[in-house]
Amino acid sequence: LAAGPLDTPDRLVLAEQLDVRTRHLHERMREVAREIRRDRAGPREVALALENVAAGVRLADQRVVAARAPVAQAFRIRSTPDRSALASMRFADAFLDQELEKGVLYLEQLLDKRRAEDLVQLAKDLADKRRDLAGLLERYKAAPTEEARKEVLARIGRMKERVKELLARMSEMSRGFNDEHMNQEALAEMARSQDLVGGLDRSEEMLAKGDVEGAMRELDQMASAMD
C-alpha cells in the first residue's frame, strides 16, 4: 500500500499504519537480539545480525516518517502536497522496501547456515555413538561373556532410539532451509539415512545369533551411510 500513489488522505493513513508496523518490527528485532545475548548458549552472530538489520530498518523508517510529515501537513490544511515532497516520500518508501528485502535475505542465509551447522553436529553425535558401539563390540568379541552381550544389546537398543530421535530432528531442520536446492538434497539424504535404524536392527539380530562379525559389518556399513 505504501508503495502505491499517495495522493489522497486515505492512502496516506494506510501508509502511516504500515509505518507503525515497521517501527514495531525493528523494535521487536532488537528485543529478540537482547534475549539471545542474555542466553549463554544463544548464537551471538544471530543477535548481531538482528541488531544490524534492525538498525538499517530503523534508519529507513525514520527517513520515511520525516518524508511523510510535509505531505501529511498539506492534507491537513486541505492543500495539494508539493511535488518535491511527494517525490521525497516515494524515494524514502522505495528505500525502506529495499532495506526490508535486504534484511530478510540476509537473515534467511544466516539461519540456513546455522541449520547446516546444527545438522553437521547432529551427524557427528551419531558418528561418535556408532564408534562407541563398535568399540564395545570389539571388547565383546575379545571376551564374549553373557553379561557383555546383554550390555551390547542394551546399548544397541538405546542407540536405535537416539538415532530415531536425531533423524526426526534432522528431517525437521532440513525442511526449514530457504535454499530450495539445498532443501531437496537434504531431504533426499534424510530418506537414504533412514536405513541407519535398519542397520542397527540387523546388527542386533546377528549379535543375538552369536554372529559378532556380522554385527560389526553392519556397523561398518552404517558408518559408510553416515559419511
Protein backbone atom coordinates (compact mmCIF):
# COMPACT_ATOMS: atom_id res chain seq x y z
CA LEU A 1 0.00 0.00 0.00
CA ALA A 2 2.75 2.45 0.92
CA ALA A 3 4.42 1.87 -2.45
CA GLY A 4 1.33 2.97 -4.37
CA PRO A 5 0.27 6.54 -5.21
CA LEU A 6 -0.22 8.55 -2.01
CA ASP A 7 -2.19 11.43 -3.46
CA THR A 8 -5.19 11.17 -1.11
CA PRO A 9 -5.53 11.43 2.68
CA ASP A 10 -6.97 7.90 2.90
CA ARG A 11 -3.96 6.40 1.17
CA LEU A 12 -1.61 8.29 3.44
CA VAL A 13 -3.42 6.90 6.51
CA LEU A 14 -2.76 3.37 5.26
CA ALA A 15 0.89 4.18 4.70
CA GLU A 16 1.22 5.61 8.20
CA GLN A 17 -0.28 2.41 9.62
CA LEU A 18 2.45 0.46 7.83
CA ASP A 19 5.00 2.84 9.34
CA VAL A 20 3.78 1.87 12.82
CA ARG A 21 4.12 -1.82 11.98
CA THR A 22 7.62 -1.21 10.64
CA ARG A 23 8.61 0.52 13.89
CA HIS A 24 7.23 -2.39 15.91
CA LEU A 25 9.23 -4.76 13.69
CA HIS A 26 12.64 -3.21 14.26
CA GLU A 27 11.91 -2.71 17.96
CA ARG A 28 10.99 -6.37 18.31
CA MET A 29 14.12 -7.42 16.44
CA ARG A 30 16.25 -5.54 18.95
CA GLU A 31 14.33 -7.15 21.81
CA VAL A 32 14.97 -10.62 20.40
CA ALA A 33 18.66 -9.79 19.96
CA ARG A 34 18.85 -8.79 23.64
CA GLU A 35 17.11 -12.02 24.68
CA ILE A 36 19.61 -14.05 22.66
CA ARG A 37 22.55 -12.23 24.25
CA ARG A 38 21.17 -12.91 27.74
CA ASP A 39 21.20 -16.65 26.93
CA ARG A 40 24.70 -18.05 27.42
CA ALA A 41 24.08 -20.61 24.68
CA GLY A 42 22.47 -18.06 22.35
CA PRO A 43 24.13 -17.67 18.92
CA ARG A 44 25.93 -14.33 19.09
CA GLU A 45 26.12 -13.99 15.30
CA VAL A 46 22.32 -14.17 15.08
CA ALA A 47 21.96 -11.47 17.75
CA LEU A 48 24.43 -9.26 15.90
CA ALA A 49 22.64 -9.84 12.59
CA LEU A 50 19.28 -8.91 14.12
CA GLU A 51 20.79 -5.74 15.59
CA ASN A 52 22.34 -4.77 12.25
CA VAL A 53 19.14 -5.39 10.29
CA ALA A 54 17.08 -3.57 12.92
CA ALA A 55 19.42 -0.56 12.73
CA GLY A 56 19.12 -0.40 8.94
CA VAL A 57 15.33 -0.71 9.01
CA ARG A 58 15.08 1.88 11.80
CA LEU A 59 17.09 4.41 9.79
CA ALA A 60 14.96 3.81 6.69
CA ASP A 61 11.80 4.03 8.80
CA GLN A 62 12.88 7.39 10.24
CA ARG A 63 13.51 8.72 6.73
CA VAL A 64 10.03 7.66 5.64
CA VAL A 65 8.36 9.25 8.67
CA ALA A 66 10.26 12.50 8.10
CA ALA A 67 9.37 12.50 4.38
CA ARG A 68 5.67 11.93 5.11
CA ALA A 69 5.40 14.87 7.52
CA PRO A 70 5.10 17.71 4.92
CA VAL A 71 2.68 15.64 2.82
CA ALA A 72 0.50 14.92 5.83
CA GLN A 73 0.60 18.60 6.82
CA ALA A 74 -0.57 19.61 3.33
CA PHE A 75 -3.52 17.21 3.55
CA ARG A 76 -4.44 18.53 6.99
CA ILE A 77 -4.78 22.08 5.68
CA ARG A 78 -6.57 20.79 2.57
CA SER A 79 -3.74 21.81 0.28
CA THR A 80 -2.10 19.93 -2.61
CA PRO A 81 1.23 18.45 -1.49
CA ASP A 82 4.33 19.85 -3.12
CA ARG A 83 5.65 17.65 -5.95
CA SER A 84 9.13 17.56 -4.45
CA ALA A 85 7.67 16.42 -1.10
CA LEU A 86 5.79 13.60 -2.84
CA ALA A 87 8.94 12.61 -4.72
CA SER A 88 10.96 12.53 -1.49
CA MET A 89 8.30 10.38 0.16
CA ARG A 90 8.24 7.92 -2.75
CA PHE A 91 12.05 7.70 -2.66
CA ALA A 92 12.02 7.07 1.10
CA ASP A 93 9.34 4.38 0.68
CA ALA A 94 11.38 2.62 -2.00
CA PHE A 95 14.50 2.78 0.17
CA LEU A 96 12.61 1.21 3.09
CA ASP A 97 11.32 -1.59 0.84
CA GLN A 98 14.88 -2.33 -0.30
CA GLU A 99 16.18 -2.31 3.28
CA LEU A 100 13.46 -4.74 4.38
CA GLU A 101 14.10 -7.09 1.46
CA LYS A 102 17.86 -6.98 2.04
CA GLY A 103 17.38 -7.75 5.74
CA VAL A 104 15.08 -10.69 5.07
CA LEU A 105 17.50 -12.27 2.59
CA TYR A 106 20.45 -11.74 4.93
CA LEU A 107 18.68 -13.35 7.90
CA GLU A 108 17.45 -16.26 5.76
CA GLN A 109 21.00 -17.02 4.63
CA LEU A 110 22.35 -16.75 8.16
CA LEU A 111 19.68 -19.06 9.59
CA ASP A 112 20.29 -21.56 6.78
CA LYS A 113 23.98 -21.54 7.74
CA ARG A 114 23.08 -22.17 11.39
CA ARG A 115 20.78 -25.05 10.41
CA ALA A 116 23.51 -26.60 8.27
CA GLU A 117 26.00 -26.36 11.15
CA ASP A 118 23.47 -27.93 13.53
CA LEU A 119 22.87 -30.79 11.06
CA VAL A 120 26.60 -31.45 10.89
CA GLN A 121 26.82 -31.50 14.69
CA LEU A 122 23.93 -33.98 14.90
CA ALA A 123 25.65 -36.22 12.36
CA LYS A 124 28.86 -36.07 14.42
CA ASP A 125 26.89 -37.07 17.50
CA LEU A 126 25.59 -40.13 15.67
CA ALA A 127 29.09 -41.00 14.45
CA ASP A 128 30.52 -40.79 17.98
CA LYS A 129 27.85 -43.13 19.29
CA ARG A 130 28.47 -45.60 16.47
CA ARG A 131 32.19 -45.65 17.27
CA ASP A 132 31.44 -46.26 20.95
CA LEU A 133 29.21 -49.16 19.99
CA ALA A 134 31.83 -50.59 17.63
CA GLY A 135 34.41 -50.42 20.43
CA LEU A 136 32.04 -52.24 22.75
CA LEU A 137 31.56 -54.97 20.14
CA GLU A 138 35.32 -55.33 19.81
CA ARG A 139 35.64 -55.83 23.55
CA TYR A 140 32.81 -58.34 23.49
CA LYS A 141 34.50 -60.21 20.66
CA ALA A 142 37.70 -60.45 22.75
CA ALA A 143 35.83 -61.56 25.89
CA PRO A 144 32.39 -62.93 24.89
CA THR A 145 30.53 -63.19 28.19
CA GLU A 146 26.75 -63.23 28.57
CA GLU A 147 26.90 -60.06 30.64
CA ALA A 148 28.88 -58.28 27.90
CA ARG A 149 26.42 -59.48 25.23
CA LYS A 150 23.49 -58.09 27.21
CA GLU A 151 25.31 -54.78 27.59
CA VAL A 152 25.90 -54.56 23.82
CA LEU A 153 22.26 -55.40 23.07
CA ALA A 154 21.10 -52.78 25.57
CA ARG A 155 23.45 -50.22 24.01
CA ILE A 156 22.13 -51.01 20.53
CA GLY A 157 18.58 -50.55 21.78
CA ARG A 158 19.40 -47.16 23.28
CA MET A 159 21.24 -46.10 20.14
CA LYS A 160 18.27 -47.01 17.96
CA GLU A 161 16.09 -44.67 19.99
CA ARG A 162 18.74 -41.96 19.77
CA VAL A 163 19.07 -42.44 16.01
CA LYS A 164 15.30 -42.15 15.56
CA GLU A 165 15.24 -39.00 17.66
CA LEU A 166 18.13 -37.38 15.82
CA LEU A 167 16.82 -38.33 12.38
CA ALA A 168 13.47 -36.78 13.26
CA ARG A 169 15.22 -33.57 14.33
CA MET A 170 17.41 -33.56 11.23
CA SER A 171 14.41 -34.09 8.98
CA GLU A 172 12.54 -31.22 10.62
CA MET A 173 15.56 -28.93 10.33
CA SER A 174 16.15 -29.89 6.70
CA ARG A 175 12.67 -28.79 5.72
CA GLY A 176 13.42 -25.34 7.15
CA PHE A 177 16.06 -24.47 4.56
CA ASN A 178 15.13 -21.47 2.43
CA ASP A 179 17.54 -22.62 -0.28
CA GLU A 180 15.29 -24.89 -2.38
CA HIS A 181 18.21 -26.79 -3.92
CA MET A 182 19.73 -27.45 -0.50
CA ASN A 183 16.32 -28.38 0.87
CA GLN A 184 15.76 -31.04 -1.80
CA GLU A 185 19.23 -32.50 -1.35
CA ALA A 186 18.89 -32.59 2.44
CA LEU A 187 15.53 -34.37 2.28
CA ALA A 188 16.91 -36.89 -0.23
CA GLU A 189 19.83 -37.63 2.09
CA MET A 190 17.42 -38.00 5.01
CA ALA A 191 15.38 -40.55 3.07
CA ARG A 192 18.51 -42.63 2.43
CA SER A 193 19.70 -42.32 6.01
CA GLN A 194 16.55 -43.96 7.38
CA ASP A 195 18.36 -47.28 6.77
CA LEU A 196 20.57 -46.46 9.76
CA VAL A 197 17.87 -47.88 12.02
CA GLY A 198 17.60 -50.93 9.77
CA GLY A 199 21.34 -51.47 10.08
CA LEU A 200 21.09 -51.42 13.86
CA ASP A 201 18.20 -53.89 13.70
CA ARG A 202 20.28 -56.28 11.60
CA SER A 203 23.29 -55.83 13.89
CA GLU A 204 21.09 -56.64 16.86
CA GLU A 205 19.70 -59.77 15.18
CA MET A 206 23.15 -61.05 14.26
CA LEU A 207 24.51 -60.46 17.73
CA ALA A 208 21.54 -62.32 19.21
CA LYS A 209 22.52 -65.28 17.00
CA GLY A 210 26.15 -65.03 18.10
CA ASP A 211 27.40 -63.61 14.79
CA VAL A 212 29.70 -60.88 16.12
CA GLU A 213 31.49 -60.45 12.78
CA GLY A 214 28.18 -59.90 11.00
CA ALA A 215 27.11 -57.37 13.62
CA MET A 216 30.36 -55.47 13.16
CA ARG A 217 29.93 -55.47 9.37
CA GLU A 218 26.52 -53.87 9.78
CA LEU A 219 28.06 -51.15 11.94
CA ASP A 220 30.73 -50.55 9.29
CA GLN A 221 28.05 -50.20 6.62
CA MET A 222 26.22 -47.81 8.93
CA ALA A 223 29.38 -45.70 9.15
CA SER A 224 29.54 -45.50 5.34
CA ALA A 225 25.91 -44.41 5.16
CA MET A 226 26.54 -41.73 7.78
CA ASP A 227 29.61 -40.45 5.92
